N, C-alpha and C. Protein backbone atom coordinates (compact mmCIF):
# COMPACT_ATOMS: atom_id res chain seq x y z
N UNK A 1 -54.81 36.91 56.07
CA UNK A 1 -54.42 35.59 55.79
C UNK A 1 -54.40 35.78 54.08
N UNK A 2 -53.33 35.26 53.46
CA UNK A 2 -53.28 35.28 52.13
C UNK A 2 -54.50 34.54 51.39
N UNK A 3 -54.62 34.85 50.10
CA UNK A 3 -55.80 34.06 49.40
C UNK A 3 -54.86 32.83 48.60
N UNK A 4 -55.25 31.69 48.70
CA UNK A 4 -54.72 30.70 47.74
C UNK A 4 -55.37 30.63 46.40
N UNK A 5 -54.44 30.71 45.56
CA UNK A 5 -54.96 30.47 43.97
C UNK A 5 -54.25 29.23 43.25
N UNK A 6 -55.19 28.47 43.37
CA UNK A 6 -54.71 27.11 42.84
C UNK A 6 -54.27 27.19 41.11
N UNK A 7 -54.60 28.20 40.73
CA UNK A 7 -54.17 28.08 39.36
C UNK A 7 -52.85 28.63 39.09
N UNK A 8 -52.32 29.08 40.04
CA UNK A 8 -50.72 29.56 39.99
C UNK A 8 -49.78 28.68 40.52
N UNK A 9 -48.71 28.41 39.62
CA UNK A 9 -47.62 27.63 40.42
C UNK A 9 -46.30 28.14 40.51
N UNK A 10 -45.23 27.85 41.29
CA UNK A 10 -44.18 28.15 41.30
C UNK A 10 -43.37 27.43 40.43
N UNK A 11 -41.96 27.72 40.20
CA UNK A 11 -41.09 27.07 39.28
C UNK A 11 -40.97 25.51 39.94
N UNK A 12 -40.78 25.55 41.29
CA UNK A 12 -40.72 24.42 41.93
C UNK A 12 -41.87 23.25 41.41
N UNK A 13 -43.01 23.90 41.81
CA UNK A 13 -44.08 22.93 41.42
C UNK A 13 -44.25 22.58 40.06
N UNK A 14 -43.87 23.45 39.20
CA UNK A 14 -43.89 23.17 37.70
C UNK A 14 -42.81 21.96 37.34
N UNK A 15 -41.66 22.14 38.09
CA UNK A 15 -40.33 21.24 38.04
C UNK A 15 -41.20 19.51 38.40
N UNK A 16 -41.92 19.65 39.40
CA UNK A 16 -42.34 18.45 40.04
C UNK A 16 -43.36 17.95 39.11
N UNK A 17 -44.00 18.81 38.38
CA UNK A 17 -45.38 18.52 37.49
C UNK A 17 -44.54 17.85 36.24
N UNK A 18 -43.39 18.27 35.93
CA UNK A 18 -42.67 17.77 34.36
C UNK A 18 -41.73 16.77 34.96
N UNK A 19 -41.52 16.35 36.09
CA UNK A 19 -40.26 15.47 36.46
C UNK A 19 -39.06 15.82 36.23
N UNK A 20 -38.47 17.19 36.36
CA UNK A 20 -37.29 17.76 35.95
C UNK A 20 -36.75 18.53 36.95
N UNK A 21 -35.39 19.06 37.06
CA UNK A 21 -34.94 19.80 38.15
C UNK A 21 -35.59 21.07 38.11
N UNK A 22 -35.36 21.76 39.21
CA UNK A 22 -35.80 23.17 39.49
C UNK A 22 -35.04 24.20 38.34
N UNK A 23 -33.61 23.90 38.35
CA UNK A 23 -32.79 24.72 37.41
C UNK A 23 -33.09 24.45 36.03
N UNK A 24 -33.43 23.35 35.52
CA UNK A 24 -34.09 23.66 34.24
C UNK A 24 -34.88 24.44 33.83
N UNK A 25 -36.12 24.26 34.85
CA UNK A 25 -37.42 24.99 34.76
C UNK A 25 -37.20 26.68 34.68
N UNK A 26 -36.15 26.99 35.56
CA UNK A 26 -36.10 28.36 35.76
C UNK A 26 -35.19 28.72 34.53
N UNK A 27 -34.24 27.85 34.02
CA UNK A 27 -33.36 28.28 32.89
C UNK A 27 -34.44 28.62 31.43
N UNK A 28 -35.44 27.72 31.65
CA UNK A 28 -36.49 27.90 30.37
C UNK A 28 -37.19 28.83 30.42
N UNK A 29 -37.63 28.97 31.89
CA UNK A 29 -38.54 30.48 31.94
C UNK A 29 -37.66 31.86 31.64
N UNK A 30 -36.40 31.83 31.93
CA UNK A 30 -35.49 32.97 31.75
C UNK A 30 -35.18 32.86 30.15
N UNK A 31 -34.93 31.85 29.35
CA UNK A 31 -34.56 32.04 27.98
C UNK A 31 -36.03 32.28 27.33
N UNK A 32 -37.23 32.03 27.77
CA UNK A 32 -38.51 32.22 26.93
C UNK A 32 -39.03 33.56 27.37
N UNK A 33 -38.33 33.98 28.43
CA UNK A 33 -38.80 35.45 28.76
C UNK A 33 -40.05 35.55 29.40
N UNK A 34 -40.62 34.54 30.03
CA UNK A 34 -41.93 34.37 30.65
C UNK A 34 -41.93 35.38 32.10
N UNK A 35 -42.87 36.03 32.25
CA UNK A 35 -43.19 37.05 33.16
C UNK A 35 -44.17 36.26 34.10
N UNK A 36 -44.07 36.53 35.44
CA UNK A 36 -44.87 35.92 36.44
C UNK A 36 -46.19 36.56 36.52
N UNK A 37 -46.96 35.87 36.63
CA UNK A 37 -48.53 36.32 36.93
C UNK A 37 -48.73 37.04 38.23
N UNK A 38 -47.84 36.49 39.30
CA UNK A 38 -48.00 37.01 40.47
C UNK A 38 -46.71 36.82 41.31
N UNK A 39 -46.58 38.01 42.06
CA UNK A 39 -45.19 37.70 42.67
C UNK A 39 -45.42 37.80 44.52
N UNK A 40 -45.04 37.14 45.17
CA UNK A 40 -45.32 37.46 46.56
C UNK A 40 -43.86 37.13 47.28
N UNK A 41 -43.15 38.09 47.92
CA UNK A 41 -41.92 38.26 48.45
C UNK A 41 -40.83 37.75 47.06
N UNK A 42 -40.17 36.78 47.40
CA UNK A 42 -39.23 36.39 46.50
C UNK A 42 -39.78 35.42 45.43
N UNK A 43 -40.75 34.92 45.84
CA UNK A 43 -41.65 33.82 45.07
C UNK A 43 -42.27 34.45 43.72
N UNK A 44 -41.97 33.58 42.61
CA UNK A 44 -42.81 34.07 41.34
C UNK A 44 -43.89 32.95 41.08
N UNK A 45 -44.99 33.34 40.92
CA UNK A 45 -46.20 32.43 40.28
C UNK A 45 -46.46 32.64 38.87
N UNK A 46 -46.58 31.26 38.50
CA UNK A 46 -46.87 31.33 36.86
C UNK A 46 -48.14 30.78 36.45
N UNK A 47 -48.98 30.94 35.57
CA UNK A 47 -50.13 30.21 35.24
C UNK A 47 -49.86 29.07 34.86
N UNK A 48 -51.11 28.05 34.47
CA UNK A 48 -51.00 26.60 34.31
C UNK A 48 -50.49 26.57 32.70
N UNK A 49 -50.95 27.60 31.91
CA UNK A 49 -50.49 27.69 30.46
C UNK A 49 -49.18 27.61 30.36
N UNK A 50 -48.40 28.13 31.28
CA UNK A 50 -47.06 28.28 31.25
C UNK A 50 -46.27 26.78 31.31
N UNK A 51 -46.83 25.88 31.86
CA UNK A 51 -46.26 24.53 31.73
C UNK A 51 -46.03 24.11 30.40
N UNK A 52 -47.17 24.19 29.63
CA UNK A 52 -46.90 23.71 28.30
C UNK A 52 -45.81 24.21 27.58
N UNK A 53 -45.84 25.44 27.76
CA UNK A 53 -44.51 26.30 27.28
C UNK A 53 -43.21 25.70 27.79
N UNK A 54 -43.08 25.62 28.84
CA UNK A 54 -41.86 25.11 29.40
C UNK A 54 -41.61 23.65 28.72
N UNK A 55 -42.56 22.90 29.01
CA UNK A 55 -42.43 21.44 28.56
C UNK A 55 -41.98 21.58 27.09
N UNK A 56 -42.36 22.22 26.11
CA UNK A 56 -42.05 22.33 24.76
C UNK A 56 -40.74 22.76 24.72
N UNK A 57 -40.29 23.61 25.43
CA UNK A 57 -38.80 24.06 25.39
C UNK A 57 -37.74 23.18 25.88
N UNK A 58 -38.14 22.37 26.70
CA UNK A 58 -37.39 21.25 27.16
C UNK A 58 -37.07 20.30 26.34
N UNK A 59 -37.92 20.09 25.56
CA UNK A 59 -37.91 18.78 24.39
C UNK A 59 -36.61 18.98 23.68
């Protein structure tokens, strides 16, 4: 059974939190060169501090 870590978010969850599209978030992640904190299968998980970096990049 996988352990749930509530401190990590997917790009989709970050997009929901910022009320923007997934594509904008993924593009910002790529432009900023942000590396995922964890990876499970094809899903990348990012820390909560990443949200503020992406929010700043989207402005």
